[in-house]
């Protein structure tokens, strides 16, 4: 059994919080997958900014896009897709082998859209369509304006990584948006296998209070928030199927399993619920493979 398969069999995933052109062209990312058990990759504008400013690998592409009259944002997303689509291709065998549990990459919509629902949704659909990869998450912030965009994106079949979640309440709001999107797909007779992850950032809490608490209380608040959020997740999946949100059953749609970002608590919710099955006994997991993975916190690779 290969290292990545062993890691997955143990219910664990490791996501690389980095992407550069050199990682792709040198074969390093493939080696990480083959030898170091890396099972996914996430990105954001800061990561790409560091990649672009600390190498010359993107210079020719930037000059070409500027010559074609591309705006800075248009050029940025074209460069990002040029990295992330081949990265998604490298992870695709793992995504297929795990029935969509692992082997994902993430691309974030522009941070400037965090408070603009319609523009966030339009950008999410556009980026997903341009990438043309089934194992690419679109990252949407869990702001009040982002939540309806998450619901609409899920309904449209766009896999979403909900980011910038910081509390139990943020997580529950994101989970509800995800479920609303799935319920609408169910009503429309659409496939429920639309994956999503909820990324709850933990270290921000400890950084915020580090100068205001004694040393023996350092690195405690974030873990407390993580426990509180996990308890909310367990309550959600164990809640009665009548009223409110439907009960989630981890792994029913091939979307269950952890996705780790540095110092981030992440849990992937599930597409097919007990309420779904009660409403339509014939509704089953479209891929018919069920597994449950633990929630975890990890440091950056």
C-alpha atoms as a PDB file:
ATOM      1  CA  UNK A   1       0.000   0.000   0.000  1.00  0.00           C
ATOM      2  CA  UNK A   2       1.377   3.421  -0.954  1.00  0.00           C
ATOM      3  CA  UNK A   3       1.909   6.039   1.804  1.00  0.00           C
ATOM      4  CA  UNK A   4      -1.025   8.160   0.621  1.00  0.00           C
ATOM      5  CA  UNK A   5      -3.312   5.129   0.631  1.00  0.00           C
ATOM      6  CA  UNK A   6      -2.160   4.209   4.126  1.00  0.00           C
ATOM      7  CA  UNK A   7      -2.816   7.744   5.339  1.00  0.00           C
ATOM      8  CA  UNK A   8      -6.280   7.764   3.835  1.00  0.00           C
ATOM      9  CA  UNK A   9      -7.034   4.337   5.271  1.00  0.00           C
ATOM     10  CA  UNK A  10      -6.227   5.766   8.692  1.00  0.00           C
ATOM     11  CA  UNK A  11      -8.802   8.538   8.172  1.00  0.00           C
ATOM     12  CA  UNK A  12      -6.216  11.307   7.761  1.00  0.00           C
ATOM     13  CA  UNK A  13      -5.508  13.927   5.116  1.00  0.00           C
ATOM     14  CA  UNK A  14      -2.665  16.387   4.609  1.00  0.00           C
ATOM     15  CA  UNK A  15      -3.208  19.503   2.531  1.00  0.00           C
ATOM     16  CA  UNK A  16      -0.327  21.582   1.270  1.00  0.00           C
ATOM     17  CA  UNK A  17      -0.824  25.287   1.965  1.00  0.00           C
ATOM     18  CA  UNK A  18       1.275  26.410  -0.984  1.00  0.00           C
ATOM     19  CA  UNK A  19       1.449  26.439  -4.774  1.00  0.00           C
ATOM     20  CA  UNK A  20       4.167  27.718  -7.083  1.00  0.00           C
ATOM     21  CA  UNK A  21       4.950  27.129 -10.721  1.00  0.00           C
ATOM     22  CA  UNK A  22       8.220  25.490  -9.703  1.00  0.00           C
ATOM     23  CA  UNK A  23       6.385  22.944  -7.541  1.00  0.00           C
ATOM     24  CA  UNK A  24       4.611  21.788 -10.693  1.00  0.00           C
ATOM     25  CA  UNK A  25       7.367  21.977 -13.292  1.00  0.00           C
ATOM     26  CA  UNK A  26      10.052  20.391 -11.116  1.00  0.00           C
ATOM     27  CA  UNK A  27       7.935  17.366 -10.238  1.00  0.00           C
ATOM     28  CA  UNK A  28       8.048  18.296  -6.562  1.00  0.00           C
ATOM     29  CA  UNK A  29       4.277  18.281  -6.113  1.00  0.00           C
ATOM     30  CA  UNK A  30       4.036  14.843  -7.682  1.00  0.00           C
ATOM     31  CA  UNK A  31       6.743  13.642  -5.301  1.00  0.00           C
ATOM     32  CA  UNK A  32       4.839  15.113  -2.359  1.00  0.00           C
ATOM     33  CA  UNK A  33       1.800  13.112  -3.454  1.00  0.00           C
ATOM     34  CA  UNK A  34       3.708   9.898  -4.099  1.00  0.00           C
ATOM     35  CA  UNK A  35       6.198   9.929  -1.235  1.00  0.00           C
ATOM     36  CA  UNK A  36       4.978  12.354   1.436  1.00  0.00           C
ATOM     37  CA  UNK A  37       1.277  11.488   1.489  1.00  0.00           C
ATOM     38  CA  UNK A  38       0.031  14.947   0.537  1.00  0.00           C
ATOM     39  CA  UNK A  39      -3.655  14.521  -0.294  1.00  0.00           C
ATOM     40  CA  UNK A  40      -4.746  18.035  -1.293  1.00  0.00           C
ATOM     41  CA  UNK A  41      -3.715  21.626  -1.807  1.00  0.00           C
ATOM     42  CA  UNK A  42      -5.145  25.018  -0.942  1.00  0.00           C
ATOM     43  CA  UNK A  43      -4.364  28.505  -2.226  1.00  0.00           C
ATOM     44  CA  UNK A  44      -5.300  32.124  -1.641  1.00  0.00           C
ATOM     45  CA  UNK A  45      -4.215  35.505  -3.025  1.00  0.00           C
ATOM     46  CA  UNK A  46      -1.434  35.833  -0.447  1.00  0.00           C
ATOM     47  CA  UNK A  47       0.040  32.486  -1.462  1.00  0.00           C
ATOM     48  CA  UNK A  48       0.010  33.469  -5.126  1.00  0.00           C
ATOM     49  CA  UNK A  49       1.421  36.904  -4.340  1.00  0.00           C
ATOM     50  CA  UNK A  50       4.387  35.263  -2.631  1.00  0.00           C
ATOM     51  CA  UNK A  51       4.834  32.837  -5.512  1.00  0.00           C
ATOM     52  CA  UNK A  52       4.733  35.582  -8.141  1.00  0.00           C
ATOM     53  CA  UNK A  53       6.937  38.105  -6.329  1.00  0.00           C
ATOM     54  CA  UNK A  54       9.603  35.620  -5.250  1.00  0.00           C
ATOM     55  CA  UNK A  55      10.317  34.036  -8.615  1.00  0.00           C
ATOM     56  CA  UNK A  56      10.615  34.867 -12.286  1.00  0.00           C
ATOM     57  CA  UNK A  57       8.441  31.929 -13.339  1.00  0.00           C
ATOM     58  CA  UNK A  58       5.432  34.149 -13.959  1.00  0.00           C
ATOM     59  CA  UNK A  59       7.124  37.104 -15.642  1.00  0.00           C
ATOM     60  CA  UNK A  60       6.599  35.983 -19.232  1.00  0.00           C
ATOM     61  CA  UNK A  61       2.956  35.157 -18.562  1.00  0.00           C
ATOM     62  CA  UNK A  62       2.372  38.536 -16.926  1.00  0.00           C
ATOM     63  CA  UNK A  63       3.949  40.392 -19.843  1.00  0.00           C
ATOM     64  CA  UNK A  64       1.829  38.427 -22.293  1.00  0.00           C
ATOM     65  CA  UNK A  65      -1.404  39.136 -20.437  1.00  0.00           C
ATOM     66  CA  UNK A  66      -0.622  42.827 -20.035  1.00  0.00           C
ATOM     67  CA  UNK A  67       0.120  43.052 -23.749  1.00  0.00           C
ATOM     68  CA  UNK A  68      -3.326  41.579 -24.405  1.00  0.00           C
ATOM     69  CA  UNK A  69      -4.952  44.284 -22.310  1.00  0.00           C
ATOM     70  CA  UNK A  70      -5.820  42.105 -19.325  1.00  0.00           C
ATOM     71  CA  UNK A  71      -6.535  43.854 -16.048  1.00  0.00           C
ATOM     72  CA  UNK A  72      -4.449  42.987 -12.993  1.00  0.00           C
ATOM     73  CA  UNK A  73      -7.249  40.825 -11.584  1.00  0.00           C
ATOM     74  CA  UNK A  74      -7.894  39.067 -14.888  1.00  0.00           C
ATOM     75  CA  UNK A  75      -4.186  38.325 -15.236  1.00  0.00           C
ATOM     76  CA  UNK A  76      -4.007  37.065 -11.657  1.00  0.00           C
ATOM     77  CA  UNK A  77      -6.811  34.557 -12.029  1.00  0.00           C
ATOM     78  CA  UNK A  78      -5.485  33.323 -15.357  1.00  0.00           C
ATOM     79  CA  UNK A  79      -2.105  32.699 -13.730  1.00  0.00           C
ATOM     80  CA  UNK A  80      -3.780  31.002 -10.764  1.00  0.00           C
ATOM     81  CA  UNK A  81      -5.751  28.680 -13.020  1.00  0.00           C
ATOM     82  CA  UNK A  82      -2.609  27.871 -14.992  1.00  0.00           C
ATOM     83  CA  UNK A  83      -1.164  26.493 -11.747  1.00  0.00           C
ATOM     84  CA  UNK A  84      -4.235  24.969 -10.137  1.00  0.00           C
ATOM     85  CA  UNK A  85      -5.671  23.071 -13.095  1.00  0.00           C
ATOM     86  CA  UNK A  86      -2.532  20.939 -13.575  1.00  0.00           C
ATOM     87  CA  UNK A  87      -2.333  20.570  -9.786  1.00  0.00           C
ATOM     88  CA  UNK A  88      -5.915  19.275  -9.804  1.00  0.00           C
ATOM     89  CA  UNK A  89      -4.930  16.840 -12.543  1.00  0.00           C
ATOM     90  CA  UNK A  90      -2.133  15.481 -10.352  1.00  0.00           C
ATOM     91  CA  UNK A  91      -4.578  14.935  -7.497  1.00  0.00           C
ATOM     92  CA  UNK A  92      -7.346  13.538  -9.714  1.00  0.00           C
ATOM     93  CA  UNK A  93      -6.269   9.858  -9.371  1.00  0.00           C
ATOM     94  CA  UNK A  94      -6.506  10.206  -5.585  1.00  0.00           C
ATOM     95  CA  UNK A  95      -9.854  11.973  -5.905  1.00  0.00           C
ATOM     96  CA  UNK A  96     -11.163   9.111  -8.049  1.00  0.00           C
ATOM     97  CA  UNK A  97      -9.648   6.403  -5.825  1.00  0.00           C
ATOM     98  CA  UNK A  98     -11.243   7.900  -2.688  1.00  0.00           C
ATOM     99  CA  UNK A  99     -14.571   8.656  -4.380  1.00  0.00           C
ATOM    100  CA  UNK A 100     -14.189  12.383  -3.839  1.00  0.00           C
ATOM    101  CA  UNK A 101     -13.060  12.307  -0.228  1.00  0.00           C
ATOM    102  CA  UNK A 102      -9.501  13.443  -0.944  1.00  0.00           C
ATOM    103  CA  UNK A 103      -7.526  14.853  -3.852  1.00  0.00           C
ATOM    104  CA  UNK A 104      -8.883  18.429  -3.876  1.00  0.00           C
ATOM    105  CA  UNK A 105      -7.376  21.813  -4.658  1.00  0.00           C
ATOM    106  CA  UNK A 106      -8.883  25.175  -3.676  1.00  0.00           C
ATOM    107  CA  UNK A 107      -9.108  28.521  -5.470  1.00  0.00           C
ATOM    108  CA  UNK A 108     -10.458  31.615  -3.706  1.00  0.00           C
ATOM    109  CA  UNK A 109     -12.719  34.249  -5.216  1.00  0.00           C
ATOM    110  CA  UNK A 110     -11.451  37.826  -4.986  1.00  0.00           C
ATOM    111  CA  UNK A 111     -11.391  39.060  -1.356  1.00  0.00           C
ATOM    112  CA  UNK A 112     -12.882  42.303  -2.631  1.00  0.00           C
ATOM    113  CA  UNK A 113     -16.160  40.428  -3.177  1.00  0.00           C
ATOM    114  CA  UNK A 114     -16.546  39.309   0.441  1.00  0.00           C
ATOM    115  CA  UNK A 115     -19.543  41.606   0.964  1.00  0.00           C
ATOM    116  CA  UNK A 116     -21.084  41.287  -2.500  1.00  0.00           C
ATOM    117  CA  UNK A 117     -23.366  38.284  -2.867  1.00  0.00           C
ATOM    118  CA  UNK A 118     -24.162  38.458  -6.564  1.00  0.00           C
ATOM    119  CA  UNK A 119     -20.585  39.137  -7.644  1.00  0.00           C
ATOM    120  CA  UNK A 120     -19.264  36.336  -5.413  1.00  0.00           C
ATOM    121  CA  UNK A 121     -21.682  33.861  -6.946  1.00  0.00           C
ATOM    122  CA  UNK A 122     -20.875  34.984 -10.481  1.00  0.00           C
ATOM    123  CA  UNK A 123     -17.139  34.695  -9.799  1.00  0.00           C
ATOM    124  CA  UNK A 124     -17.520  31.231  -8.218  1.00  0.00           C
ATOM    125  CA  UNK A 125     -19.451  29.909 -11.204  1.00  0.00           C
ATOM    126  CA  UNK A 126     -17.040  31.489 -13.672  1.00  0.00           C
ATOM    127  CA  UNK A 127     -13.879  30.170 -11.994  1.00  0.00           C
ATOM    128  CA  UNK A 128     -15.313  26.678 -11.624  1.00  0.00           C
ATOM    129  CA  UNK A 129     -16.368  26.594 -15.274  1.00  0.00           C
ATOM    130  CA  UNK A 130     -13.018  27.931 -16.489  1.00  0.00           C
ATOM    131  CA  UNK A 131     -11.094  25.405 -14.424  1.00  0.00           C
ATOM    132  CA  UNK A 132     -13.175  22.509 -15.724  1.00  0.00           C
ATOM    133  CA  UNK A 133     -11.972  20.233 -12.937  1.00  0.00           C
ATOM    134  CA  UNK A 134     -14.345  18.258 -10.742  1.00  0.00           C
ATOM    135  CA  UNK A 135     -11.866  18.224  -7.853  1.00  0.00           C
ATOM    136  CA  UNK A 136     -11.455  21.998  -7.515  1.00  0.00           C
ATOM    137  CA  UNK A 137     -13.103  23.789  -4.604  1.00  0.00           C
ATOM    138  CA  UNK A 138     -14.051  27.436  -4.907  1.00  0.00           C
ATOM    139  CA  UNK A 139     -13.352  29.234  -1.650  1.00  0.00           C
ATOM    140  CA  UNK A 140     -16.136  31.589  -0.546  1.00  0.00           C
ATOM    141  CA  UNK A 141     -15.963  33.538   2.725  1.00  0.00           C
ATOM    142  CA  UNK A 142     -18.628  32.820   5.324  1.00  0.00           C
ATOM    143  CA  UNK A 143     -19.647  36.462   5.644  1.00  0.00           C
ATOM    144  CA  UNK A 144     -23.358  37.356   5.898  1.00  0.00           C
ATOM    145  CA  UNK A 145     -23.211  38.248   2.214  1.00  0.00           C
ATOM    146  CA  UNK A 146     -21.247  35.117   1.382  1.00  0.00           C
ATOM    147  CA  UNK A 147     -23.791  32.705   2.877  1.00  0.00           C
ATOM    148  CA  UNK A 148     -26.467  33.136   0.184  1.00  0.00           C
ATOM    149  CA  UNK A 149     -23.727  32.853  -2.440  1.00  0.00           C
ATOM    150  CA  UNK A 150     -22.681  29.534  -0.866  1.00  0.00           C
ATOM    151  CA  UNK A 151     -26.257  28.258  -1.022  1.00  0.00           C
ATOM    152  CA  UNK A 152     -26.615  29.302  -4.662  1.00  0.00           C
ATOM    153  CA  UNK A 153     -23.222  27.871  -5.601  1.00  0.00           C
ATOM    154  CA  UNK A 154     -24.059  24.489  -4.073  1.00  0.00           C
ATOM    155  CA  UNK A 155     -27.411  24.513  -5.844  1.00  0.00           C
ATOM    156  CA  UNK A 156     -25.543  25.251  -9.082  1.00  0.00           C
ATOM    157  CA  UNK A 157     -23.257  22.255  -8.479  1.00  0.00           C
ATOM    158  CA  UNK A 158     -20.120  24.220  -7.581  1.00  0.00           C
ATOM    159  CA  UNK A 159     -18.031  22.561  -4.804  1.00  0.00           C
ATOM    160  CA  UNK A 160     -17.326  25.130  -2.094  1.00  0.00           C
ATOM    161  CA  UNK A 161     -14.660  25.547   0.558  1.00  0.00           C
ATOM    162  CA  UNK A 162     -16.253  27.945   3.061  1.00  0.00           C
ATOM    163  CA  UNK A 163     -13.452  30.006   4.526  1.00  0.00           C
ATOM    164  CA  UNK A 164     -13.017  32.726   7.145  1.00  0.00           C
ATOM    165  CA  UNK A 165     -15.113  30.943   9.747  1.00  0.00           C
ATOM    166  CA  UNK A 166     -14.110  31.712  13.319  1.00  0.00           C
ATOM    167  CA  UNK A 167     -16.761  30.329  15.652  1.00  0.00           C
ATOM    168  CA  UNK A 168     -19.469  27.770  16.309  1.00  0.00           C
ATOM    169  CA  UNK A 169     -22.054  30.239  15.057  1.00  0.00           C
ATOM    170  CA  UNK A 170     -20.140  30.874  11.838  1.00  0.00           C
ATOM    171  CA  UNK A 171     -19.853  27.139  11.215  1.00  0.00           C
ATOM    172  CA  UNK A 172     -23.553  26.505  11.790  1.00  0.00           C
ATOM    173  CA  UNK A 173     -24.515  29.348   9.458  1.00  0.00           C
ATOM    174  CA  UNK A 174     -22.271  27.875   6.737  1.00  0.00           C
ATOM    175  CA  UNK A 175     -23.663  24.371   7.285  1.00  0.00           C
ATOM    176  CA  UNK A 176     -27.216  25.690   6.993  1.00  0.00           C
ATOM    177  CA  UNK A 177     -26.371  27.461   3.729  1.00  0.00           C
ATOM    178  CA  UNK A 178     -24.882  24.234   2.384  1.00  0.00           C
ATOM    179  CA  UNK A 179     -27.951  22.235   3.379  1.00  0.00           C
ATOM    180  CA  UNK A 180     -30.329  24.739   1.827  1.00  0.00           C
ATOM    181  CA  UNK A 181     -28.476  24.399  -1.449  1.00  0.00           C
ATOM    182  CA  UNK A 182     -28.692  20.607  -1.268  1.00  0.00           C
ATOM    183  CA  UNK A 183     -32.376  20.608  -0.402  1.00  0.00           C
ATOM    184  CA  UNK A 184     -33.051  22.746  -3.444  1.00  0.00           C
ATOM    185  CA  UNK A 185     -31.086  20.276  -5.583  1.00  0.00           C
ATOM    186  CA  UNK A 186     -33.159  17.452  -4.143  1.00  0.00           C
ATOM    187  CA  UNK A 187     -36.392  19.280  -4.976  1.00  0.00           C
ATOM    188  CA  UNK A 188     -35.107  19.880  -8.501  1.00  0.00           C
ATOM    189  CA  UNK A 189     -34.162  16.223  -8.947  1.00  0.00           C
ATOM    190  CA  UNK A 190     -30.449  16.993  -9.224  1.00  0.00           C
ATOM    191  CA  UNK A 191     -27.485  14.892  -8.111  1.00  0.00           C
ATOM    192  CA  UNK A 192     -26.671  15.480  -4.432  1.00  0.00           C
ATOM    193  CA  UNK A 193     -22.961  14.717  -4.806  1.00  0.00           C
ATOM    194  CA  UNK A 194     -21.788  18.315  -4.430  1.00  0.00           C
ATOM    195  CA  UNK A 195     -18.939  18.482  -1.931  1.00  0.00           C
ATOM    196  CA  UNK A 196     -18.202  21.258   0.514  1.00  0.00           C
ATOM    197  CA  UNK A 197     -15.831  21.891   3.403  1.00  0.00           C
ATOM    198  CA  UNK A 198     -16.130  24.328   6.293  1.00  0.00           C
ATOM    199  CA  UNK A 199     -12.790  25.796   7.401  1.00  0.00           C
ATOM    200  CA  UNK A 200     -12.849  27.217  10.932  1.00  0.00           C
ATOM    201  CA  UNK A 201      -9.708  29.168  11.779  1.00  0.00           C
ATOM    202  CA  UNK A 202      -8.415  28.416  15.249  1.00  0.00           C
ATOM    203  CA  UNK A 203      -5.108  30.212  15.856  1.00  0.00           C
ATOM    204  CA  UNK A 204      -6.624  33.696  15.448  1.00  0.00           C
ATOM    205  CA  UNK A 205      -8.260  33.364  18.846  1.00  0.00           C
ATOM    206  CA  UNK A 206      -5.003  32.659  20.669  1.00  0.00           C
ATOM    207  CA  UNK A 207      -3.169  35.407  18.795  1.00  0.00           C
ATOM    208  CA  UNK A 208      -5.874  37.885  19.782  1.00  0.00           C
ATOM    209  CA  UNK A 209      -5.533  37.236  23.526  1.00  0.00           C
ATOM    210  CA  UNK A 210      -1.888  36.214  23.871  1.00  0.00           C
ATOM    211  CA  UNK A 211      -0.871  39.529  25.448  1.00  0.00           C
ATOM    212  CA  UNK A 212      -3.864  39.554  27.799  1.00  0.00           C
ATOM    213  CA  UNK A 213      -3.679  36.126  29.416  1.00  0.00           C
ATOM    214  CA  UNK A 214      -1.001  34.424  31.547  1.00  0.00           C
ATOM    215  CA  UNK A 215       1.411  31.984  29.852  1.00  0.00           C
ATOM    216  CA  UNK A 216      -0.383  28.927  31.207  1.00  0.00           C
ATOM    217  CA  UNK A 217      -3.464  29.997  29.253  1.00  0.00           C
ATOM    218  CA  UNK A 218      -1.699  30.413  25.900  1.00  0.00           C
ATOM    219  CA  UNK A 219      -2.980  28.225  23.049  1.00  0.00           C
ATOM    220  CA  UNK A 220      -6.089  27.203  24.983  1.00  0.00           C
ATOM    221  CA  UNK A 221      -8.848  29.446  23.663  1.00  0.00           C
ATOM    222  CA  UNK A 222      -8.518  28.226  20.078  1.00  0.00           C
ATOM    223  CA  UNK A 223      -8.805  24.599  21.150  1.00  0.00           C
ATOM    224  CA  UNK A 224     -11.859  25.480  23.233  1.00  0.00           C
ATOM    225  CA  UNK A 225     -13.487  27.050  20.180  1.00  0.00           C
ATOM    226  CA  UNK A 226     -12.561  23.966  18.153  1.00  0.00           C
ATOM    227  CA  UNK A 227     -14.219  21.692  20.709  1.00  0.00           C
ATOM    228  CA  UNK A 228     -17.303  23.898  20.811  1.00  0.00           C
ATOM    229  CA  UNK A 229     -17.555  23.868  17.033  1.00  0.00           C
ATOM    230  CA  UNK A 230     -17.096  20.117  16.841  1.00  0.00           C
ATOM    231  CA  UNK A 231     -19.820  19.639  19.456  1.00  0.00           C
ATOM    232  CA  UNK A 232     -22.113  21.783  17.298  1.00  0.00           C
ATOM    233  CA  UNK A 233     -21.286  19.590  14.307  1.00  0.00           C
ATOM    234  CA  UNK A 234     -22.091  16.431  16.259  1.00  0.00           C
ATOM    235  CA  UNK A 235     -25.339  17.941  17.502  1.00  0.00           C
ATOM    236  CA  UNK A 236     -26.255  18.890  13.954  1.00  0.00           C
ATOM    237  CA  UNK A 237     -25.770  15.418  12.526  1.00  0.00           C
ATOM    238  CA  UNK A 238     -27.543  13.829  15.506  1.00  0.00           C
ATOM    239  CA  UNK A 239     -30.484  16.246  15.585  1.00  0.00           C
ATOM    240  CA  UNK A 240     -34.022  14.991  14.916  1.00  0.00           C
ATOM    241  CA  UNK A 241     -34.920  15.076  11.220  1.00  0.00           C
ATOM    242  CA  UNK A 242     -38.105  17.076  11.845  1.00  0.00           C
ATOM    243  CA  UNK A 243     -37.846  20.856  11.643  1.00  0.00           C
ATOM    244  CA  UNK A 244     -34.756  22.951  11.152  1.00  0.00           C
ATOM    245  CA  UNK A 245     -31.833  21.417   9.335  1.00  0.00           C
ATOM    246  CA  UNK A 246     -31.818  17.793   8.280  1.00  0.00           C
ATOM    247  CA  UNK A 247     -29.570  15.337  10.028  1.00  0.00           C
ATOM    248  CA  UNK A 248     -26.295  14.820   8.251  1.00  0.00           C
ATOM    249  CA  UNK A 249     -24.863  11.356   7.843  1.00  0.00           C
ATOM    250  CA  UNK A 250     -21.097  11.616   7.228  1.00  0.00           C
ATOM    251  CA  UNK A 251     -19.855  10.019   4.047  1.00  0.00           C
ATOM    252  CA  UNK A 252     -23.133   9.406   2.266  1.00  0.00           C
ATOM    253  CA  UNK A 253     -22.181  11.346  -0.844  1.00  0.00           C
ATOM    254  CA  UNK A 254     -18.448  10.743  -1.079  1.00  0.00           C
ATOM    255  CA  UNK A 255     -17.761  14.207   0.310  1.00  0.00           C
ATOM    256  CA  UNK A 256     -16.878  13.285   3.861  1.00  0.00           C
ATOM    257  CA  UNK A 257     -13.421  13.624   5.331  1.00  0.00           C
ATOM    258  CA  UNK A 258     -11.147  16.313   6.716  1.00  0.00           C
ATOM    259  CA  UNK A 259      -9.451  19.019   4.737  1.00  0.00           C
ATOM    260  CA  UNK A 260      -6.707  20.659   6.731  1.00  0.00           C
ATOM    261  CA  UNK A 261      -5.463  24.178   6.320  1.00  0.00           C
ATOM    262  CA  UNK A 262      -2.644  25.454   8.551  1.00  0.00           C
ATOM    263  CA  UNK A 263      -3.912  25.923  12.094  1.00  0.00           C
ATOM    264  CA  UNK A 264      -7.415  25.445  10.769  1.00  0.00           C
ATOM    265  CA  UNK A 265     -10.218  23.241  11.960  1.00  0.00           C
ATOM    266  CA  UNK A 266     -12.064  21.797   9.010  1.00  0.00           C
ATOM    267  CA  UNK A 267     -14.988  19.457   8.613  1.00  0.00           C
ATOM    268  CA  UNK A 268     -16.643  18.353   5.433  1.00  0.00           C
ATOM    269  CA  UNK A 269     -20.374  17.990   5.759  1.00  0.00           C
ATOM    270  CA  UNK A 270     -22.476  15.442   3.953  1.00  0.00           C
ATOM    271  CA  UNK A 271     -24.978  15.598   1.159  1.00  0.00           C
ATOM    272  CA  UNK A 272     -27.570  12.951   1.960  1.00  0.00           C
ATOM    273  CA  UNK A 273     -29.509  13.225   5.195  1.00  0.00           C
ATOM    274  CA  UNK A 274     -31.968  11.116   7.119  1.00  0.00           C
ATOM    275  CA  UNK A 275     -34.653  13.645   6.268  1.00  0.00           C
ATOM    276  CA  UNK A 276     -33.807  13.268   2.597  1.00  0.00           C
ATOM    277  CA  UNK A 277     -34.276   9.506   2.873  1.00  0.00           C
ATOM    278  CA  UNK A 278     -37.560   9.862   4.733  1.00  0.00           C
ATOM    279  CA  UNK A 279     -38.915  12.239   2.138  1.00  0.00           C
ATOM    280  CA  UNK A 280     -37.806   9.948  -0.650  1.00  0.00           C
ATOM    281  CA  UNK A 281     -36.934   6.384   0.397  1.00  0.00           C
ATOM    282  CA  UNK A 282     -35.384   5.785  -2.999  1.00  0.00           C
ATOM    283  CA  UNK A 283     -32.884   8.623  -2.502  1.00  0.00           C
ATOM    284  CA  UNK A 284     -29.508   7.068  -1.889  1.00  0.00           C
ATOM    285  CA  UNK A 285     -25.896   8.095  -1.972  1.00  0.00           C
ATOM    286  CA  UNK A 286     -25.197   8.443  -5.697  1.00  0.00           C
ATOM    287  CA  UNK A 287     -21.831   6.817  -5.240  1.00  0.00           C
ATOM    288  CA  UNK A 288     -22.804   4.351  -2.482  1.00  0.00           C
ATOM    289  CA  UNK A 289     -19.693   4.544  -0.389  1.00  0.00           C
ATOM    290  CA  UNK A 290     -19.827   5.730   3.187  1.00  0.00           C
ATOM    291  CA  UNK A 291     -17.004   6.576   5.535  1.00  0.00           C
ATOM    292  CA  UNK A 292     -16.491   8.839   8.483  1.00  0.00           C
ATOM    293  CA  UNK A 293     -13.272  10.748   9.130  1.00  0.00           C
ATOM    294  CA  UNK A 294     -12.257  12.667  12.252  1.00  0.00           C
ATOM    295  CA  UNK A 295     -12.065  16.388  12.594  1.00  0.00           C
ATOM    296  CA  UNK A 296      -8.483  17.553  13.144  1.00  0.00           C
ATOM    297  CA  UNK A 297      -6.236  20.521  13.672  1.00  0.00           C
ATOM    298  CA  UNK A 298      -2.774  20.528  12.136  1.00  0.00           C
ATOM    299  CA  UNK A 299       0.146  22.856  11.581  1.00  0.00           C
ATOM    300  CA  UNK A 300       1.439  23.890   8.183  1.00  0.00           C
ATOM    301  CA  UNK A 301       3.669  21.473   6.312  1.00  0.00           C
END
